[in-house]
C-alpha atoms as a PDB file:
ATOM      1  CA  MET A   1      58.414 -12.550  56.789  1.00  0.00           C
ATOM      2  CA  GLY A   2      55.679 -10.079  58.171  1.00  0.00           C
ATOM      3  CA  GLN A   3      53.229 -10.754  61.119  1.00  0.00           C
ATOM      4  CA  ILE A   4      49.126 -10.478  60.925  1.00  0.00           C
ATOM      5  CA  GLN A   5      47.951  -7.712  62.315  1.00  0.00           C
ATOM      6  CA  LYS A   6      46.184  -8.257  65.492  1.00  0.00           C
ATOM      7  CA  LYS A   7      42.720  -7.127  65.038  1.00  0.00           C
ATOM      8  CA  PHE A   8      42.472  -8.993  61.191  1.00  0.00           C
ATOM      9  CA  ALA A   9      43.924 -12.250  62.997  1.00  0.00           C
ATOM     10  CA  LEU A  10      40.575 -11.408  66.259  1.00  0.00           C
ATOM     11  CA  THR A  11      38.015 -11.153  62.902  1.00  0.00           C
ATOM     12  CA  ILE A  12      39.878 -14.126  61.768  1.00  0.00           C
ATOM     13  CA  GLY A  13      38.641 -15.731  64.931  1.00  0.00           C
ATOM     14  CA  ILE A  14      36.056 -14.703  65.462  1.00  0.00           C
ATOM     15  CA  CYS A  15      34.501 -15.580  61.252  1.00  0.00           C
ATOM     16  CA  GLY A  16      36.832 -19.242  62.789  1.00  0.00           C
ATOM     17  CA  ILE A  17      34.539 -19.201  65.345  1.00  0.00           C
ATOM     18  CA  LEU A  18      30.760 -19.055  63.836  1.00  0.00           C
ATOM     19  CA  SER A  19      32.039 -20.565  60.960  1.00  0.00           C
ATOM     20  CA  LEU A  20      32.448 -23.861  63.138  1.00  0.00           C
ATOM     21  CA  LEU A  21      29.358 -23.449  65.310  1.00  0.00           C
ATOM     22  CA  PHE A  22      27.442 -22.900  61.258  1.00  0.00           C
ATOM     23  CA  SER A  23      28.666 -25.763  60.339  1.00  0.00           C
ATOM     24  CA  PHE A  24      27.943 -27.917  63.171  1.00  0.00           C
ATOM     25  CA  ILE A  25      24.686 -27.025  62.964  1.00  0.00           C
ATOM     26  CA  SER A  26      24.503 -28.203  59.264  1.00  0.00           C
ATOM     27  CA  THR A  27      26.327 -31.101  59.524  1.00  0.00           C
ATOM     28  CA  VAL A  28      24.798 -33.009  62.395  1.00  0.00           C
ATOM     29  CA  CYS A  29      21.133 -32.099  60.967  1.00  0.00           C
ATOM     30  CA  GLY A  30      22.995 -33.508  58.170  1.00  0.00           C
ATOM     31  CA  TRP A  31      23.215 -36.997  59.991  1.00  0.00           C
ATOM     32  CA  VAL A  32      19.922 -36.608  61.329  1.00  0.00           C
ATOM     33  CA  PHE A  33      17.937 -36.466  58.229  1.00  0.00           C
ATOM     34  CA  ALA A  34      20.686 -39.534  57.335  1.00  0.00           C
ATOM     35  CA  SER A  35      19.289 -41.747  59.527  1.00  0.00           C
ATOM     36  CA  LYS A  36      15.511 -41.081  59.234  1.00  0.00           C
ATOM     37  CA  ILE A  37      15.550 -41.734  54.937  1.00  0.00           C
ATOM     38  CA  PRO A  38      17.277 -44.501  53.221  1.00  0.00           C
ATOM     39  CA  TYR A  39      20.987 -43.517  51.178  1.00  0.00           C
ATOM     40  CA  ASN A  40      19.217 -42.684  48.122  1.00  0.00           C
ATOM     41  CA  ILE A  41      15.702 -41.353  48.749  1.00  0.00           C
ATOM     42  CA  GLN A  42      13.076 -41.905  45.703  1.00  0.00           C
ATOM     43  CA  PHE A  43       9.236 -41.542  44.175  1.00  0.00           C
ATOM     44  CA  ARG A  44       7.931 -41.117  41.895  1.00  0.00           C
ATOM     45  CA  SER A  45       5.023 -39.208  40.801  1.00  0.00           C
ATOM     46  CA  PHE A  46       2.314 -40.163  38.461  1.00  0.00           C
ATOM     47  CA  ASP A  47       0.134 -38.150  36.720  1.00  0.00           C
ATOM     48  CA  GLU A  48      -1.771 -37.271  33.169  1.00  0.00           C
ATOM     49  CA  TYR A  49       1.918 -37.002  31.543  1.00  0.00           C
ATOM     50  CA  GLY A  50       2.528 -39.984  32.539  1.00  0.00           C
ATOM     51  CA  ILE A  51       5.239 -41.037  35.281  1.00  0.00           C
ATOM     52  CA  THR A  52       8.159 -39.082  36.617  1.00  0.00           C
ATOM     53  CA  SER A  53      10.893 -40.828  38.942  1.00  0.00           C
ATOM     54  CA  TYR A  54      13.341 -38.145  41.428  1.00  0.00           C
ATOM     55  CA  SER A  55      16.532 -39.238  43.617  1.00  0.00           C
ATOM     56  CA  PHE A  56      19.024 -37.310  45.748  1.00  0.00           C
ATOM     57  CA  GLY A  57      21.379 -37.963  48.598  1.00  0.00           C
ATOM     58  CA  VAL A  58      22.420 -36.842  51.902  1.00  0.00           C
ATOM     59  CA  TYR A  59      24.187 -33.443  51.383  1.00  0.00           C
ATOM     60  CA  TRP A  60      25.581 -33.811  54.935  1.00  0.00           C
ATOM     61  CA  TRP A  61      28.890 -32.842  53.807  1.00  0.00           C
ATOM     62  CA  GLY A  62      28.006 -30.029  53.268  1.00  0.00           C
ATOM     63  CA  GLY A  63      28.622 -28.160  56.717  1.00  0.00           C
ATOM     64  CA  LEU A  64      31.321 -30.302  57.413  1.00  0.00           C
ATOM     65  CA  ALA A  65      33.928 -28.540  54.264  1.00  0.00           C
ATOM     66  CA  LEU A  66      34.229 -26.042  56.481  1.00  0.00           C
ATOM     67  CA  PHE A  67      35.046 -27.368  60.386  1.00  0.00           C
ATOM     68  CA  GLY A  68      38.973 -27.652  59.165  1.00  0.00           C
ATOM     69  CA  PRO A  69      38.812 -23.313  58.149  1.00  0.00           C
ATOM     70  CA  GLY A  70      37.079 -22.784  61.596  1.00  0.00           C
ATOM     71  CA  ILE A  71      39.834 -24.755  63.368  1.00  0.00           C
ATOM     72  CA  LEU A  72      42.439 -22.442  60.784  1.00  0.00           C
ATOM     73  CA  GLY A  73      41.016 -19.245  61.918  1.00  0.00           C
ATOM     74  CA  ILE A  74      41.054 -19.822  65.797  1.00  0.00           C
ATOM     75  CA  VAL A  75      44.838 -20.889  64.784  1.00  0.00           C
ATOM     76  CA  VAL A  76      45.695 -17.967  63.273  1.00  0.00           C
ATOM     77  CA  ALA A  77      43.487 -16.060  65.918  1.00  0.00           C
ATOM     78  CA  TYR A  78      46.448 -17.191  68.544  1.00  0.00           C
ATOM     79  CA  THR A  79      49.876 -17.141  66.526  1.00  0.00           C
ATOM     80  CA  LYS A  80      48.917 -14.361  64.067  1.00  0.00           C
ATOM     81  CA  ASN A  81      51.211 -16.494  62.105  1.00  0.00           C
ATOM     82  CA  PHE A  82      51.302 -15.157  57.736  1.00  0.00           C
ATOM     83  CA  CYS A  83      51.730 -18.872  57.093  1.00  0.00           C
ATOM     84  CA  ALA A  84      48.885 -20.241  58.962  1.00  0.00           C
ATOM     85  CA  MET A  85      46.382 -17.029  57.167  1.00  0.00           C
ATOM     86  CA  VAL A  86      47.463 -17.954  53.777  1.00  0.00           C
ATOM     87  CA  ALA A  87      46.636 -21.829  54.753  1.00  0.00           C
ATOM     88  CA  PHE A  88      43.366 -20.309  56.322  1.00  0.00           C
ATOM     89  CA  LEU A  89      42.640 -18.725  53.139  1.00  0.00           C
ATOM     90  CA  ILE A  90      42.815 -21.731  50.253  1.00  0.00           C
ATOM     91  CA  PHE A  91      41.250 -23.966  52.835  1.00  0.00           C
ATOM     92  CA  ASN A  92      38.817 -21.579  53.114  1.00  0.00           C
ATOM     93  CA  ILE A  93      37.833 -20.572  49.213  1.00  0.00           C
ATOM     94  CA  ILE A  94      37.879 -24.898  49.113  1.00  0.00           C
ATOM     95  CA  GLY A  95      35.445 -24.727  51.963  1.00  0.00           C
ATOM     96  CA  MET A  96      33.064 -21.709  50.543  1.00  0.00           C
ATOM     97  CA  LEU A  97      32.659 -23.550  47.189  1.00  0.00           C
ATOM     98  CA  ALA A  98      31.782 -27.046  49.093  1.00  0.00           C
ATOM     99  CA  ALA A  99      29.179 -25.159  50.907  1.00  0.00           C
ATOM    100  CA  ILE A 100      27.608 -23.022  47.901  1.00  0.00           C
ATOM    101  CA  ALA A 101      27.127 -26.692  46.075  1.00  0.00           C
ATOM    102  CA  CYS A 102      25.745 -28.337  48.483  1.00  0.00           C
ATOM    103  CA  PHE A 103      23.176 -25.078  49.534  1.00  0.00           C
ATOM    104  CA  ILE A 104      21.851 -25.249  45.632  1.00  0.00           C
ATOM    105  CA  VAL A 105      21.291 -29.120  45.682  1.00  0.00           C
ATOM    106  CA  VAL A 106      19.382 -28.741  48.649  1.00  0.00           C
ATOM    107  CA  ALA A 107      17.942 -25.924  48.582  1.00  0.00           C
ATOM    108  CA  LEU A 108      16.297 -27.300  45.115  1.00  0.00           C
ATOM    109  CA  VAL A 109      15.558 -30.417  47.028  1.00  0.00           C
ATOM    110  CA  LEU A 110      13.474 -27.893  49.191  1.00  0.00           C
ATOM    111  CA  VAL A 111      11.738 -26.475  46.762  1.00  0.00           C
ATOM    112  CA  VAL A 112      10.483 -29.395  45.136  1.00  0.00           C
ATOM    113  CA  TRP A 113       9.352 -31.003  48.431  1.00  0.00           C
ATOM    114  CA  THR A 114       6.875 -27.777  49.083  1.00  0.00           C
ATOM    115  CA  GLY A 115       6.279 -28.015  46.231  1.00  0.00           C
ATOM    116  CA  LEU A 116       4.405 -31.137  45.945  1.00  0.00           C
ATOM    117  CA  GLY A 117       2.365 -29.922  48.809  1.00  0.00           C
ATOM    118  CA  ILE A 118       1.935 -33.371  50.851  1.00  0.00           C
ATOM    119  CA  ASP A 119      -0.231 -33.218  53.464  1.00  0.00           C
ATOM    120  CA  ASP A 120      -0.487 -35.756  55.994  1.00  0.00           C
ATOM    121  CA  ASN A 121      -4.070 -36.509  55.467  1.00  0.00           C
ATOM    122  CA  SER A 122      -3.703 -37.808  52.471  1.00  0.00           C
ATOM    123  CA  CYS A 123      -0.830 -39.947  52.140  1.00  0.00           C
ATOM    124  CA  LYS A 124      -1.006 -42.920  53.428  1.00  0.00           C
ATOM    125  CA  SER A 125       2.430 -46.040  54.306  1.00  0.00           C
ATOM    126  CA  ILE A 126       2.084 -49.744  53.075  1.00  0.00           C
ATOM    127  CA  LEU A 127       4.796 -51.497  53.432  1.00  0.00           C
ATOM    128  CA  GLU A 128       7.380 -48.942  54.421  1.00  0.00           C
ATOM    129  CA  THR A 129       6.400 -46.567  51.850  1.00  0.00           C
ATOM    130  CA  CYS A 130       4.498 -43.817  51.698  1.00  0.00           C
ATOM    131  CA  THR A 131       1.815 -43.103  48.825  1.00  0.00           C
ATOM    132  CA  CYS A 132       0.272 -39.966  48.620  1.00  0.00           C
ATOM    133  CA  THR A 133      -1.944 -37.966  46.663  1.00  0.00           C
ATOM    134  CA  VAL A 134      -2.621 -34.245  45.646  1.00  0.00           C
ATOM    135  CA  ASN A 135      -6.237 -32.833  43.843  1.00  0.00           C
ATOM    136  CA  TYR A 136      -7.206 -36.216  43.284  1.00  0.00           C
ATOM    137  CA  LYS A 137      -5.234 -36.090  39.522  1.00  0.00           C
ATOM    138  CA  ARG A 138      -1.820 -36.629  41.144  1.00  0.00           C
ATOM    139  CA  SER A 139      -0.243 -39.192  43.272  1.00  0.00           C
ATOM    140  CA  PHE A 140       3.269 -40.037  44.014  1.00  0.00           C
ATOM    141  CA  ILE A 141       5.570 -43.219  46.218  1.00  0.00           C
ATOM    142  CA  ILE A 142       7.780 -42.478  48.220  1.00  0.00           C
ATOM    143  CA  ASN A 143      10.567 -45.515  49.493  1.00  0.00           C
ATOM    144  CA  THR A 144       9.766 -43.905  52.700  1.00  0.00           C
ATOM    145  CA  SER A 145       7.131 -43.914  55.519  1.00  0.00           C
ATOM    146  CA  CYS A 146       4.559 -40.834  55.905  1.00  0.00           C
ATOM    147  CA  GLU A 147       5.935 -40.207  59.441  1.00  0.00           C
ATOM    148  CA  THR A 148       9.483 -39.913  57.994  1.00  0.00           C
ATOM    149  CA  LEU A 149       8.291 -37.329  55.855  1.00  0.00           C
ATOM    150  CA  SER A 150       6.501 -34.841  58.488  1.00  0.00           C
ATOM    151  CA  SER A 151      10.143 -34.412  59.836  1.00  0.00           C
ATOM    152  CA  ILE A 152      12.159 -34.141  56.852  1.00  0.00           C
ATOM    153  CA  GLN A 153      11.357 -30.982  55.515  1.00  0.00           C
ATOM    154  CA  PRO A 154      12.252 -29.154  59.060  1.00  0.00           C
ATOM    155  CA  LEU A 155      15.435 -30.277  58.543  1.00  0.00           C
ATOM    156  CA  LEU A 156      15.432 -29.535  54.895  1.00  0.00           C
ATOM    157  CA  LEU A 157      14.639 -26.205  56.312  1.00  0.00           C
ATOM    158  CA  THR A 158      17.289 -25.907  58.997  1.00  0.00           C
ATOM    159  CA  ILE A 159      20.538 -27.717  56.728  1.00  0.00           C
ATOM    160  CA  SER A 160      20.060 -24.787  54.067  1.00  0.00           C
ATOM    161  CA  ILE A 161      20.046 -21.890  56.683  1.00  0.00           C
ATOM    162  CA  GLY A 162      23.138 -22.994  58.359  1.00  0.00           C
ATOM    163  CA  VAL A 163      25.334 -23.844  55.026  1.00  0.00           C
ATOM    164  CA  ALA A 164      23.774 -20.442  53.814  1.00  0.00           C
ATOM    165  CA  LEU A 165      25.147 -18.982  57.191  1.00  0.00           C
ATOM    166  CA  SER A 166      28.539 -21.024  56.345  1.00  0.00           C
ATOM    167  CA  VAL A 167      28.866 -19.603  53.101  1.00  0.00           C
ATOM    168  CA  PHE A 168      28.488 -16.073  54.136  1.00  0.00           C
ATOM    169  CA  VAL A 169      30.841 -15.796  57.015  1.00  0.00           C
ATOM    170  CA  ALA A 170      33.565 -17.735  54.642  1.00  0.00           C
ATOM    171  CA  PHE A 171      32.886 -14.948  52.532  1.00  0.00           C
ATOM    172  CA  ILE A 172      33.467 -12.151  54.736  1.00  0.00           C
ATOM    173  CA  ALA A 173      36.895 -14.201  56.498  1.00  0.00           C
ATOM    174  CA  SER A 174      38.176 -14.732  52.863  1.00  0.00           C
ATOM    175  CA  TYR A 175      38.302 -10.825  51.999  1.00  0.00           C
ATOM    176  CA  VAL A 176      39.344  -9.641  55.625  1.00  0.00           C
ATOM    177  CA  SER A 177      42.152 -13.072  54.684  1.00  0.00           C
ATOM    178  CA  CYS A 178      43.481 -11.456  51.755  1.00  0.00           C
ATOM    179  CA  SER A 179      43.790  -8.029  53.065  1.00  0.00           C
ATOM    180  CA  SER A 180      45.345  -9.578  56.158  1.00  0.00           C
ATOM    181  CA  LEU A 181      47.663 -10.916  54.148  1.00  0.00           C
ATOM    182  CA  CYS A 182      48.375  -7.062  52.067  1.00  0.00           C
ATOM    183  CA  ASN A 183      48.767  -5.107  55.621  1.00  0.00           C
ATOM    184  CA  THR A 184      51.090  -7.407  57.788  1.00  0.00           C
ATOM    185  CA  GLU A 185      53.489  -6.311  60.478  1.00  0.00           C
ATOM    186  CA  GLN A 186      57.284  -6.503  59.916  1.00  0.00           C
ATOM    187  CA  VAL A 187      58.955  -7.996  62.251  1.00  0.00           C
ATOM    188  CA  TYR A 188      62.727  -7.508  62.650  1.00  0.00           C
ATOM    189  CA  PRO A 189      64.820 -10.318  65.055  1.00  0.00           C
ATOM    190  CA  GLY A 190      67.245  -9.496  67.696  1.00  0.00           C
ATOM    191  CA  MET A 191      66.236  -5.873  67.947  1.00  0.00           C
ATOM    192  CA  VAL A 192      65.459  -4.730  71.158  1.00  0.00           C
ATOM    193  CA  VAL A 193      63.479  -1.104  71.737  1.00  0.00           C
ATOM    194  CA  VAL A 194      63.714  -0.071  75.116  1.00  0.00           C
ATOM    195  CA  GLN A 195      61.385   3.034  76.134  1.00  0.00           C
ATOM    196  CA  GLN A 196      61.769   4.627  79.523  1.00  0.00           C
ATOM    197  CA  PRO A 197      58.391   5.316  80.216  1.00  0.00           C
ATOM    198  CA  SER A 198      57.894   9.650  81.274  1.00  0.00           C
ATOM    199  CA  ASN A 199      58.386  12.098  83.795  1.00  0.00           C
ATOM    200  CA  MET A 200      60.937   9.508  85.525  1.00  0.00           C
ATOM    201  CA  VAL A 201      64.526  10.332  87.077  1.00  0.00           C
ATOM    202  CA  VAL A 202      67.280   8.344  86.703  1.00  0.00           C
ATOM    203  CA  MET A 203      69.992   8.578  89.614  1.00  0.00           C
ATOM    204  CA  ALA A 204      72.815   6.715  89.480  1.00  0.00           C
ATOM    205  CA  ASN A 205      75.231   6.969  92.891  1.00  0.00           C
ATOM    206  CA  THR A 206      79.171   5.555  92.062  1.00  0.00           C
ATOM    207  CA  GLN A 207      81.828   5.494  94.160  1.00  0.00           C
ATOM    208  CA  PHE A 208      85.768   4.735  93.886  1.00  0.00           C
ATOM    209  CA  ASN A 209      89.124   5.682  95.352  1.00  0.00           C
ATOM    210  CA  GLN A 210      90.762   9.330  94.521  1.00  0.00           C
ATOM    211  CA  VAL A 211      94.236   9.467  94.617  1.00  0.00           C
ATOM    212  CA  PRO A 212      95.610  12.551  95.063  1.00  0.00           C
ATOM    213  CA  GLN A 213      97.654  14.546  92.776  1.00  0.00           C
ATOM    214  CA  ALA A 214     100.881  15.679  93.250  1.00  0.00           C
ATOM    215  CA  PRO A 215     101.765  19.441  92.422  1.00  0.00           C
ATOM    216  CA  TYR A 216     102.382  19.999  89.279  1.00  0.00           C
ATOM    217  CA  TYR A 217     105.390  21.817  89.067  1.00  0.00           C
ATOM    218  CA  ASN A 218     106.599  23.450  85.974  1.00  0.00           C
ATOM    219  CA  GLN A 219     110.077  23.842  85.549  1.00  0.00           C
ATOM    220  CA  GLN A 220     109.971  25.820  82.176  1.00  0.00           C
ATOM    221  CA  ILE A 221     112.424  28.797  81.549  1.00  0.00           C
ATOM    222  CA  PRO A 222     110.719  32.208  80.132  1.00  0.00           C
ATOM    223  CA  TYR A 223     112.063  33.286  76.991  1.00  0.00           C
ATOM    224  CA  GLY A 224     114.870  36.015  78.401  1.00  0.00           C
ATOM    225  CA  GLY A 225     115.289  34.416  81.756  1.00  0.00           C
ATOM    226  CA  LEU A 226     118.092  33.859  83.383  1.00  0.00           C
ATOM    227  CA  PRO A 227     118.182  29.992  84.556  1.00  0.00           C
ATOM    228  CA  PRO A 228     118.170  29.369  88.996  1.00  0.00           C
ATOM    229  CA  ALA A 229     121.188  30.130  90.993  1.00  0.00           C
ATOM    230  CA  TYR A 230     122.839  27.187  91.752  1.00  0.00           C
ATOM    231  CA  SER A 231     125.502  27.445  94.743  1.00  0.00           C
ATOM    232  CA  SER A 232     128.010  24.785  96.876  1.00  0.00           C
ATOM    233  CA  VAL A 233     128.216  24.638 100.283  1.00  0.00           C
ATOM    234  CA  PRO A 234     132.171  24.420 101.959  1.00  0.00           C
ATOM    235  CA  VAL A 235     132.834  20.877 103.176  1.00  0.00           C
ATOM    236  CA  THR A 236     134.401  21.503 106.317  1.00  0.00           C
ATOM    237  CA  SER A 237     135.683  18.224 106.947  1.00  0.00           C
ATOM    238  CA  TYR A 238     136.029  15.484 105.937  1.00  0.00           C
ATOM    239  CA  ASP A 239     135.580  11.514 107.691  1.00  0.00           C
ATOM    240  CA  HIS A 240     137.033   9.470 104.796  1.00  0.00           C
ATOM    241  CA  ASN A 241     140.415   8.060 104.130  1.00  0.00           C
ATOM    242  CA  PRO A 242     143.633  10.481 103.355  1.00  0.00           C
ATOM    243  CA  THR A 243     144.176   9.711  99.870  1.00  0.00           C
ATOM    244  CA  HIS A 244     147.604   8.701  98.605  1.00  0.00           C
ATOM    245  CA  ASP A 245     146.956  10.667  94.982  1.00  0.00           C
ATOM    246  CA  LYS A 246     149.936  12.985  94.600  1.00  0.00           C
ATOM    247  CA  ALA A 247     149.229  15.346  92.333  1.00  0.00           C
ATOM    248  CA  ALA A 248     149.849  19.095  93.538  1.00  0.00           C
ATOM    249  CA  LEU A 249     147.144  20.131  95.585  1.00  0.00           C
ATOM    250  CA  ILE A 250     145.106  23.595  93.736  1.00  0.00           C
ATOM    251  CA  ASP A 251     144.276  26.655  96.496  1.00  0.00           C
ATOM    252  CA  ASP A 252     142.474  29.266  96.027  1.00  0.00           C
ATOM    253  CA  GLY A 253     142.158  28.900  91.824  1.00  0.00           C
ATOM    254  CA  VAL A 254     146.037  28.809  91.237  1.00  0.00           C
ATOM    255  CA  VAL A 255     148.082  26.577  90.144  1.00  0.00           C
END
């Protein structure tokens, strides 16, 4: 199994940190938004065409969906593990799709909210509701205070920007992770490569005891030569006991 190259792992780590940052901003703003308004905020619009009702929930989970891929991106940058990169790619795509859905919903709510033309001077808080009149022709009632309305729009804008940046970072991270999985480094276990630095002289000092060898004596007889002469040494005295052999003595080679 291959290993993720260093440049890809570093890029994924940076994307993971940015994803955590933007997700944290979006999630915190979503929690603040959820604490300011009811769980299902509703408002009714009254005009010459009739009554129109709207309701929407709190979509703070859009930023939270990319927390997991952000943590996995940091793990990939540290370990360069192939399986961790595969897990990062899968969860990053899932989180990116959730963030896209959150961005679309929040952006639509923000467009509708800004299109209402809310003016603080035309709104009054009555029994925990805010009643507003626009151009003396259209009015709407929202089940929250008017002070809350003035603080909701910046939060919606911040959530939209944070989620949009998270989607952008997730898209880049998905592209980089796909490229890294197609260009892995092959690792061969059990092989150690030792490289000596250049311009280095290696000297070895070995001491051992050397036994002198006897001179070589060639006793071969050259072709066509004579063997070495052998001579007898006459015995001048006999120091041993006389023999009792009765055989005849040989004198000067004559029997």
